[in-house]
PDB file of N, CA and C in Angstrom:
ATOM      1  N   MET A   1      57.083  69.641  29.315  1.00  0.00           N
ATOM      2  CA  MET A   1      56.495  68.678  28.346  1.00  0.00           C
ATOM      3  C   MET A   1      57.303  69.313  26.922  1.00  0.00           C
ATOM      4  N   ASP A   2      57.864  68.374  26.233  1.00  0.00           N
ATOM      5  CA  ASP A   2      58.363  68.810  25.137  1.00  0.00           C
ATOM      6  C   ASP A   2      57.647  69.715  24.034  1.00  0.00           C
ATOM      7  N   ARG A   3      57.642  70.424  23.899  1.00  0.00           N
ATOM      8  CA  ARG A   3      56.697  71.873  22.938  1.00  0.00           C
ATOM      9  C   ARG A   3      56.471  70.847  21.430  1.00  0.00           C
ATOM     10  N   GLU A   4      57.698  70.197  21.027  1.00  0.00           N
ATOM     11  CA  GLU A   4      57.078  69.800  19.691  1.00  0.00           C
ATOM     12  C   GLU A   4      55.657  68.243  19.938  1.00  0.00           C
ATOM     13  N   ASN A   5      55.790  67.899  20.892  1.00  0.00           N
ATOM     14  CA  ASN A   5      54.857  66.477  21.219  1.00  0.00           C
ATOM     15  C   ASN A   5      53.709  66.997  21.728  1.00  0.00           C
ATOM     16  N   LYS A   6      53.904  68.336  21.929  1.00  0.00           N
ATOM     17  CA  LYS A   6      52.458  69.365  22.459  1.00  0.00           C
ATOM     18  C   LYS A   6      51.136  69.133  21.638  1.00  0.00           C
ATOM     19  N   PRO A   7      51.452  69.204  20.413  1.00  0.00           N
ATOM     20  CA  PRO A   7      50.040  69.596  19.357  1.00  0.00           C
ATOM     21  C   PRO A   7      49.433  67.797  19.097  1.00  0.00           C
ATOM     22  N   GLY A   8      50.896  67.338  19.099  1.00  0.00           N
ATOM     23  CA  GLY A   8      50.265  65.996  18.523  1.00  0.00           C
ATOM     24  C   GLY A   8      49.445  64.916  19.859  1.00  0.00           C
ATOM     25  N   LEU A   9      49.963  65.363  21.306  1.00  0.00           N
ATOM     26  CA  LEU A   9      49.060  64.830  22.214  1.00  0.00           C
ATOM     27  C   LEU A   9      47.633  65.395  22.448  1.00  0.00           C
ATOM     28  N   LEU A  10      47.711  66.973  21.788  1.00  0.00           N
ATOM     29  CA  LEU A  10      46.407  67.417  21.933  1.00  0.00           C
ATOM     30  C   LEU A  10      45.440  67.133  20.935  1.00  0.00           C
ATOM     31  N   ASN A  11      46.277  66.430  19.408  1.00  0.00           N
ATOM     32  CA  ASN A  11      45.088  66.103  18.983  1.00  0.00           C
ATOM     33  C   ASN A  11      44.767  64.991  19.256  1.00  0.00           C
ATOM     34  N   ARG A  12      45.707  64.038  19.675  1.00  0.00           N
ATOM     35  CA  ARG A  12      44.910  62.411  20.197  1.00  0.00           C
ATOM     36  C   ARG A  12      44.136  62.731  21.287  1.00  0.00           C
ATOM     37  N   LEU A  13      44.157  63.519  22.169  1.00  0.00           N
ATOM     38  CA  LEU A  13      43.396  64.012  22.972  1.00  0.00           C
ATOM     39  C   LEU A  13      41.950  64.390  22.780  1.00  0.00           C
ATOM     40  N   ASN A  14      41.753  65.144  22.100  1.00  0.00           N
ATOM     41  CA  ASN A  14      40.703  65.515  21.362  1.00  0.00           C
ATOM     42  C   ASN A  14      40.041  64.475  20.536  1.00  0.00           C
ATOM     43  N   ARG A  15      40.614  63.752  19.756  1.00  0.00           N
ATOM     44  CA  ARG A  15      39.760  62.534  19.248  1.00  0.00           C
ATOM     45  C   ARG A  15      39.366  61.625  20.062  1.00  0.00           C
ATOM     46  N   ILE A  16      40.131  61.110  21.326  1.00  0.00           N
ATOM     47  CA  ILE A  16      39.468  60.693  22.101  1.00  0.00           C
ATOM     48  C   ILE A  16      38.361  61.356  22.817  1.00  0.00           C
ATOM     49  N   GLU A  17      38.063  62.375  23.190  1.00  0.00           N
ATOM     50  CA  GLU A  17      37.419  63.083  23.481  1.00  0.00           C
ATOM     51  C   GLU A  17      35.857  62.752  22.392  1.00  0.00           C
ATOM     52  N   GLY A  18      36.451  62.862  21.318  1.00  0.00           N
ATOM     53  CA  GLY A  18      35.260  62.618  20.825  1.00  0.00           C
ATOM     54  C   GLY A  18      34.723  61.451  20.591  1.00  0.00           C
ATOM     55  N   GLN A  19      35.569  60.055  20.727  1.00  0.00           N
ATOM     56  CA  GLN A  19      35.139  59.077  20.853  1.00  0.00           C
ATOM     57  C   GLN A  19      34.345  58.534  22.315  1.00  0.00           C
ATOM     58  N   VAL A  20      34.671  59.358  22.973  1.00  0.00           N
ATOM     59  CA  VAL A  20      33.593  59.057  24.663  1.00  0.00           C
ATOM     60  C   VAL A  20      32.722  59.545  24.003  1.00  0.00           C
ATOM     61  N   ARG A  21      32.698  60.774  24.067  1.00  0.00           N
ATOM     62  CA  ARG A  21      31.081  61.165  23.411  1.00  0.00           C
ATOM     63  C   ARG A  21      30.581  60.223  22.985  1.00  0.00           C
ATOM     64  N   GLY A  22      30.892  59.759  21.451  1.00  0.00           N
ATOM     65  CA  GLY A  22      30.280  58.574  20.710  1.00  0.00           C
ATOM     66  C   GLY A  22      29.600  57.612  21.396  1.00  0.00           C
ATOM     67  N   VAL A  23      30.592  56.943  22.570  1.00  0.00           N
ATOM     68  CA  VAL A  23      30.277  56.098  23.386  1.00  0.00           C
ATOM     69  C   VAL A  23      28.975  56.488  24.484  1.00  0.00           C
ATOM     70  N   ALA A  24      29.114  57.861  24.801  1.00  0.00           N
ATOM     71  CA  ALA A  24      27.937  58.214  25.482  1.00  0.00           C
ATOM     72  C   ALA A  24      26.646  58.356  24.621  1.00  0.00           C
ATOM     73  N   ARG A  25      26.643  58.602  23.413  1.00  0.00           N
ATOM     74  CA  ARG A  25      25.579  58.483  22.489  1.00  0.00           C
ATOM     75  C   ARG A  25      25.025  57.052  21.954  1.00  0.00           C
ATOM     76  N   MET A  26      25.763  55.997  21.857  1.00  0.00           N
ATOM     77  CA  MET A  26      25.429  55.243  21.674  1.00  0.00           C
ATOM     78  C   MET A  26      24.785  53.975  23.155  1.00  0.00           C
ATOM     79  N   VAL A  27      25.133  54.459  24.178  1.00  0.00           N
ATOM     80  CA  VAL A  27      24.511  54.246  25.662  1.00  0.00           C
ATOM     81  C   VAL A  27      23.130  55.157  25.567  1.00  0.00           C
ATOM     82  N   GLU A  28      23.285  56.120  24.919  1.00  0.00           N
ATOM     83  CA  GLU A  28      21.624  56.583  25.180  1.00  0.00           C
ATOM     84  C   GLU A  28      20.872  56.487  23.869  1.00  0.00           C
ATOM     85  N   ASP A  29      21.681  55.914  22.690  1.00  0.00           N
ATOM     86  CA  ASP A  29      20.816  54.909  21.734  1.00  0.00           C
ATOM     87  C   ASP A  29      20.782  53.604  22.122  1.00  0.00           C
ATOM     88  N   ASP A  30      20.976  53.082  23.147  1.00  0.00           N
ATOM     89  CA  ASP A  30      20.472  51.596  23.466  1.00  0.00           C
ATOM     90  C   ASP A  30      21.105  50.889  22.382  1.00  0.00           C
ATOM     91  N   ARG A  31      22.512  51.297  21.769  1.00  0.00           N
ATOM     92  CA  ARG A  31      23.167  50.754  20.566  1.00  0.00           C
ATOM     93  C   ARG A  31      23.544  49.009  21.466  1.00  0.00           C
ATOM     94  N   TYR A  32      24.189  48.201  20.960  1.00  0.00           N
ATOM     95  CA  TYR A  32      24.215  46.762  21.264  1.00  0.00           C
ATOM     96  C   TYR A  32      25.526  46.826  22.426  1.00  0.00           C
ATOM     97  N   CYS A  33      25.258  46.148  23.249  1.00  0.00           N
ATOM     98  CA  CYS A  33      26.620  45.880  24.178  1.00  0.00           C
ATOM     99  C   CYS A  33      28.052  46.029  23.467  1.00  0.00           C
ATOM    100  N   ILE A  34      27.632  44.816  23.134  1.00  0.00           N
ATOM    101  CA  ILE A  34      29.221  44.319  22.129  1.00  0.00           C
ATOM    102  C   ILE A  34      30.010  45.357  21.632  1.00  0.00           C
ATOM    103  N   ASP A  35      29.423  46.320  20.823  1.00  0.00           N
ATOM    104  CA  ASP A  35      29.623  47.755  19.969  1.00  0.00           C
ATOM    105  C   ASP A  35      30.396  48.279  20.963  1.00  0.00           C
ATOM    106  N   ILE A  36      29.306  48.730  22.050  1.00  0.00           N
ATOM    107  CA  ILE A  36      29.681  50.005  22.698  1.00  0.00           C
ATOM    108  C   ILE A  36      31.610  49.636  23.990  1.00  0.00           C
ATOM    109  N   LEU A  37      31.205  48.115  24.186  1.00  0.00           N
ATOM    110  CA  LEU A  37      32.378  47.435  24.664  1.00  0.00           C
ATOM    111  C   LEU A  37      33.473  48.022  23.724  1.00  0.00           C
ATOM    112  N   THR A  38      33.583  47.665  22.410  1.00  0.00           N
ATOM    113  CA  THR A  38      34.617  47.304  21.396  1.00  0.00           C
ATOM    114  C   THR A  38      34.754  48.979  21.372  1.00  0.00           C
ATOM    115  N   GLN A  39      34.270  50.105  21.383  1.00  0.00           N
ATOM    116  CA  GLN A  39      34.443  51.342  21.523  1.00  0.00           C
ATOM    117  C   GLN A  39      34.870  51.925  22.652  1.00  0.00           C
ATOM    118  N   VAL A  40      34.878  51.698  23.900  1.00  0.00           N
ATOM    119  CA  VAL A  40      35.522  51.440  25.036  1.00  0.00           C
ATOM    120  C   VAL A  40      36.712  51.226  25.233  1.00  0.00           C
ATOM    121  N   GLN A  41      36.958  50.102  24.526  1.00  0.00           N
ATOM    122  CA  GLN A  41      38.107  49.526  24.468  1.00  0.00           C
ATOM    123  C   GLN A  41      39.409  50.391  23.637  1.00  0.00           C
ATOM    124  N   ALA A  42      38.771  50.965  22.613  1.00  0.00           N
ATOM    125  CA  ALA A  42      39.543  51.786  21.463  1.00  0.00           C
ATOM    126  C   ALA A  42      39.987  52.894  22.527  1.00  0.00           C
ATOM    127  N   ALA A  43      39.073  53.609  22.506  1.00  0.00           N
ATOM    128  CA  ALA A  43      39.423  54.540  23.859  1.00  0.00           C
ATOM    129  C   ALA A  43      40.111  54.734  24.723  1.00  0.00           C
ATOM    130  N   ARG A  44      40.147  53.619  25.892  1.00  0.00           N
ATOM    131  CA  ARG A  44      41.403  53.070  26.330  1.00  0.00           C
ATOM    132  C   ARG A  44      42.727  52.793  26.004  1.00  0.00           C
ATOM    133  N   ALA A  45      42.882  51.842  24.746  1.00  0.00           N
ATOM    134  CA  ALA A  45      43.891  51.992  24.087  1.00  0.00           C
ATOM    135  C   ALA A  45      44.472  52.928  23.442  1.00  0.00           C
ATOM    136  N   ALA A  46      43.488  54.383  23.297  1.00  0.00           N
ATOM    137  CA  ALA A  46      44.243  55.449  22.490  1.00  0.00           C
ATOM    138  C   ALA A  46      44.714  55.897  23.686  1.00  0.00           C
ATOM    139  N   LEU A  47      44.125  56.124  25.214  1.00  0.00           N
ATOM    140  CA  LEU A  47      44.704  56.792  26.175  1.00  0.00           C
ATOM    141  C   LEU A  47      46.129  56.255  26.581  1.00  0.00           C
ATOM    142  N   ALA A  48      46.090  55.102  26.510  1.00  0.00           N
ATOM    143  CA  ALA A  48      47.186  53.851  26.935  1.00  0.00           C
ATOM    144  C   ALA A  48      48.008  54.704  26.027  1.00  0.00           C
ATOM    145  N   ARG A  49      48.005  54.931  24.421  1.00  0.00           N
ATOM    146  CA  ARG A  49      49.338  55.364  23.862  1.00  0.00           C
ATOM    147  C   ARG A  49      49.206  56.851  24.226  1.00  0.00           C
ATOM    148  N   VAL A  50      48.549  57.736  24.738  1.00  0.00           N
ATOM    149  CA  VAL A  50      49.150  58.940  25.118  1.00  0.00           C
ATOM    150  C   VAL A  50      49.988  58.966  26.349  1.00  0.00           C
ATOM    151  N   GLU A  51      49.178  58.049  27.315  1.00  0.00           N
ATOM    152  CA  GLU A  51      50.298  57.684  28.459  1.00  0.00           C
ATOM    153  C   GLU A  51      51.368  57.322  28.109  1.00  0.00           C
ATOM    154  N   THR A  52      51.632  56.425  27.631  1.00  0.00           N
ATOM    155  CA  THR A  52      53.285  56.230  26.624  1.00  0.00           C
ATOM    156  C   THR A  52      53.873  57.297  26.444  1.00  0.00           C
ATOM    157  N   GLU A  53      53.497  58.261  25.598  1.00  0.00           N
ATOM    158  CA  GLU A  53      54.123  59.166  24.876  1.00  0.00           C
ATOM    159  C   GLU A  53      54.843  60.142  26.020  1.00  0.00           C
ATOM    160  N   LEU A  54      53.626  60.392  26.528  1.00  0.00           N
ATOM    161  CA  LEU A  54      53.661  61.285  27.866  1.00  0.00           C
ATOM    162  C   LEU A  54      55.181  60.868  28.991  1.00  0.00           C
ATOM    163  N   LEU A  55      55.305  59.442  29.071  1.00  0.00           N
ATOM    164  CA  LEU A  55      55.934  58.783  29.888  1.00  0.00           C
ATOM    165  C   LEU A  55      57.157  58.661  28.857  1.00  0.00           C
ATOM    166  N   LYS A  56      57.317  58.395  27.601  1.00  0.00           N
ATOM    167  CA  LYS A  56      58.546  58.647  26.906  1.00  0.00           C
ATOM    168  C   LYS A  56      59.099  60.451  27.289  1.00  0.00           C
ATOM    169  N   ASN A  57      58.222  60.886  26.895  1.00  0.00           N
ATOM    170  CA  ASN A  57      58.608  62.466  26.795  1.00  0.00           C
ATOM    171  C   ASN A  57      59.181  62.879  28.231  1.00  0.00           C
ATOM    172  N   HIS A  58      58.502  62.270  29.409  1.00  0.00           N
ATOM    173  CA  HIS A  58      59.189  62.473  30.948  1.00  0.00           C
ATOM    174  C   HIS A  58      60.254  62.176  31.177  1.00  0.00           C
ATOM    175  N   LEU A  59      60.959  60.650  30.044  1.00  0.00           N
ATOM    176  CA  LEU A  59      61.866  59.970  30.740  1.00  0.00           C
ATOM    177  C   LEU A  59      63.472  60.769  29.845  1.00  0.00           C
ATOM    178  N   GLY A  60      62.744  61.161  28.624  1.00  0.00           N
ATOM    179  CA  GLY A  60      63.377  62.045  27.660  1.00  0.00           C
ATOM    180  C   GLY A  60      63.845  63.419  28.065  1.00  0.00           C
ATOM    181  N   HIS A  61      63.362  64.047  29.074  1.00  0.00           N
ATOM    182  CA  HIS A  61      63.028  65.540  29.092  1.00  0.00           C
ATOM    183  C   HIS A  61      63.552  65.580  30.555  1.00  0.00           C
ATOM    184  N   CYS A  62      62.441  65.087  31.648  1.00  0.00           N
ATOM    185  CA  CYS A  62      62.554  65.339  32.700  1.00  0.00           C
ATOM    186  C   CYS A  62      63.768  64.497  33.568  1.00  0.00           C
ATOM    187  N   ILE A  63      63.737  63.274  33.271  1.00  0.00           N
ATOM    188  CA  ILE A  63      64.490  62.328  34.124  1.00  0.00           C
ATOM    189  C   ILE A  63      66.109  62.608  33.597  1.00  0.00           C
ATOM    190  N   GLU A  64      66.031  63.002  31.761  1.00  0.00           N
ATOM    191  CA  GLU A  64      67.383  62.997  31.467  1.00  0.00           C
ATOM    192  C   GLU A  64      67.745  64.609  32.598  1.00  0.00           C
ATOM    193  N   SER A  65      67.166  65.453  32.406  1.00  0.00           N
ATOM    194  CA  SER A  65      67.714  66.558  33.114  1.00  0.00           C
ATOM    195  C   SER A  65      68.443  66.477  34.307  1.00  0.00           C
ATOM    196  N   ALA A  66      67.487  65.819  34.618  1.00  0.00           N
ATOM    197  CA  ALA A  66      68.027  65.365  36.220  1.00  0.00           C
ATOM    198  C   ALA A  66      69.339  65.051  36.742  1.00  0.00           C
ATOM    199  N   ILE A  67      69.686  64.016  35.414  1.00  0.00           N
ATOM    200  CA  ILE A  67      70.712  62.885  35.332  1.00  0.00           C
ATOM    201  C   ILE A  67      72.040  64.223  34.936  1.00  0.00           C
ATOM    202  N   VAL A  68      71.370  64.665  34.075  1.00  0.00           N
ATOM    203  CA  VAL A  68      72.570  65.730  33.320  1.00  0.00           C
ATOM    204  C   VAL A  68      72.931  66.919  34.388  1.00  0.00           C
ATOM    205  N   SER A  69      72.045  67.219  35.135  1.00  0.00           N
ATOM    206  CA  SER A  69      72.413  68.240  36.107  1.00  0.00           C
ATOM    207  C   SER A  69      73.543  67.773  37.138  1.00  0.00           C
ATOM    208  N   GLY A  70      73.262  66.355  37.106  1.00  0.00           N
ATOM    209  CA  GLY A  70      74.332  65.736  38.160  1.00  0.00           C
ATOM    210  C   GLY A  70      73.939  66.057  39.909  1.00  0.00           C
ATOM    211  N   ASP A  71      72.527  66.703  40.036  1.00  0.00           N
ATOM    212  CA  ASP A  71      72.238  66.943  41.575  1.00  0.00           C
ATOM    213  C   ASP A  71      71.275  65.802  42.172  1.00  0.00           C
ATOM    214  N   GLU A  72      72.143  65.061  42.798  1.00  0.00           N
ATOM    215  CA  GLU A  72      71.786  63.744  42.692  1.00  0.00           C
ATOM    216  C   GLU A  72      69.884  64.130  44.024  1.00  0.00           C
ATOM    217  N   ALA A  73      69.925  65.000  45.022  1.00  0.00           N
ATOM    218  CA  ALA A  73      68.798  65.233  45.418  1.00  0.00           C
ATOM    219  C   ALA A  73      67.660  65.363  43.945  1.00  0.00           C
ATOM    220  N   GLU A  74      68.007  66.212  43.203  1.00  0.00           N
ATOM    221  CA  GLU A  74      66.942  66.010  41.771  1.00  0.00           C
ATOM    222  C   GLU A  74      66.653  64.815  41.152  1.00  0.00           C
ATOM    223  N   GLN A  75      67.658  63.916  41.167  1.00  0.00           N
ATOM    224  CA  GLN A  75      67.489  62.606  40.583  1.00  0.00           C
ATOM    225  C   GLN A  75      66.709  61.770  41.230  1.00  0.00           C
ATOM    226  N   ARG A  76      66.951  61.635  42.897  1.00  0.00           N
ATOM    227  CA  ARG A  76      65.972  61.296  43.488  1.00  0.00           C
ATOM    228  C   ARG A  76      64.507  61.428  43.631  1.00  0.00           C
ATOM    229  N   ARG A  77      64.533  62.932  43.561  1.00  0.00           N
ATOM    230  CA  ARG A  77      62.947  63.303  43.763  1.00  0.00           C
ATOM    231  C   ARG A  77      62.498  62.509  42.315  1.00  0.00           C
ATOM    232  N   LYS A  78      63.237  62.898  41.107  1.00  0.00           N
ATOM    233  CA  LYS A  78      62.612  62.559  39.693  1.00  0.00           C
ATOM    234  C   LYS A  78      62.077  60.657  39.716  1.00  0.00           C
ATOM    235  N   ALA A  79      63.059  59.910  40.097  1.00  0.00           N
ATOM    236  CA  ALA A  79      63.100  58.808  40.506  1.00  0.00           C
ATOM    237  C   ALA A  79      62.146  58.455  41.293  1.00  0.00           C
ATOM    238  N   ALA A  80      61.551  58.784  42.730  1.00  0.00           N
ATOM    239  CA  ALA A  80      60.541  58.520  43.355  1.00  0.00           C
ATOM    240  C   ALA A  80      59.443  58.915  42.747  1.00  0.00           C
ATOM    241  N   GLU A  81      59.282  60.167  42.014  1.00  0.00           N
ATOM    242  CA  GLU A  81      58.167  60.362  41.467  1.00  0.00           C
ATOM    243  C   GLU A  81      58.004  59.393  40.428  1.00  0.00           C
ATOM    244  N   LEU A  82      58.436  59.036  39.689  1.00  0.00           N
ATOM    245  CA  LEU A  82      58.170  57.804  38.952  1.00  0.00           C
ATOM    246  C   LEU A  82      57.861  56.198  39.484  1.00  0.00           C
ATOM    247  N   ILE A  83      58.411  56.112  40.524  1.00  0.00           N
ATOM    248  CA  ILE A  83      58.196  54.972  41.145  1.00  0.00           C
ATOM    249  C   ILE A  83      56.796  55.119  41.639  1.00  0.00           C
ATOM    250  N   HIS A  84      56.447  56.232  42.268  1.00  0.00           N
ATOM    251  CA  HIS A  84      55.178  56.621  43.071  1.00  0.00           C
ATOM    252  C   HIS A  84      53.846  56.389  41.728  1.00  0.00           C
ATOM    253  N   LEU A  85      54.025  56.922  40.614  1.00  0.00           N
ATOM    254  CA  LEU A  85      53.622  56.705  39.380  1.00  0.00           C
ATOM    255  C   LEU A  85      52.772  55.327  38.803  1.00  0.00           C
ATOM    256  N   LEU A  86      54.168  54.718  39.039  1.00  0.00           N
ATOM    257  CA  LEU A  86      53.954  53.020  38.578  1.00  0.00           C
ATOM    258  C   LEU A  86      53.293  52.351  39.512  1.00  0.00           C
ATOM    259  N   GLU A  87      53.467  52.775  40.365  1.00  0.00           N
ATOM    260  CA  GLU A  87      53.162  52.074  41.804  1.00  0.00           C
ATOM    261  C   GLU A  87      51.200  52.286  41.652  1.00  0.00           C
ATOM    262  N   ARG A  88      50.936  53.433  41.367  1.00  0.00           N
ATOM    263  CA  ARG A  88      49.700  53.904  41.606  1.00  0.00           C
ATOM    264  C   ARG A  88      48.900  52.905  40.228  1.00  0.00           C
ATOM    265  N   ALA A  89      49.781  52.845  39.201  1.00  0.00           N
ATOM    266  CA  ALA A  89      49.420  52.414  38.108  1.00  0.00           C
ATOM    267  C   ALA A  89      48.826  50.299  38.589  1.00  0.00           C
ATOM    268  N   THR A  90      49.472  50.237  39.223  1.00  0.00           N
ATOM    269  CA  THR A  90      49.314  48.709  39.341  1.00  0.00           C
ATOM    270  C   THR A  90      48.179  48.661  40.583  1.00  0.00           C
ATOM    271  N   ARG A  91      47.281  49.598  41.468  1.00  0.00           N
ATOM    272  CA  ARG A  91      46.570  49.273  41.866  1.00  0.00           C
ATOM    273  C   ARG A  91      45.504  48.891  41.413  1.00  0.00           C
TER     274      ARG A  91
END
């Protein structure tokens, strides 16, 4: 993981954690379903942005390092990891 991105990602994840706690409070308080669903969508979108940043970091750091190294076995391993991750996402 790129150390420069880590504080920003942790900050985002902490905000998402707060959002999810807020959703739980909304459920406990019997808030209107559409209001709760709106907050769930916001939390999912925020997680998707974190996922995108992590994926960019992986491509820009781990995959790039494997390419630069010239190690074909490592390149294949990194590509297989990424393919497996994307396959899981489509299930």
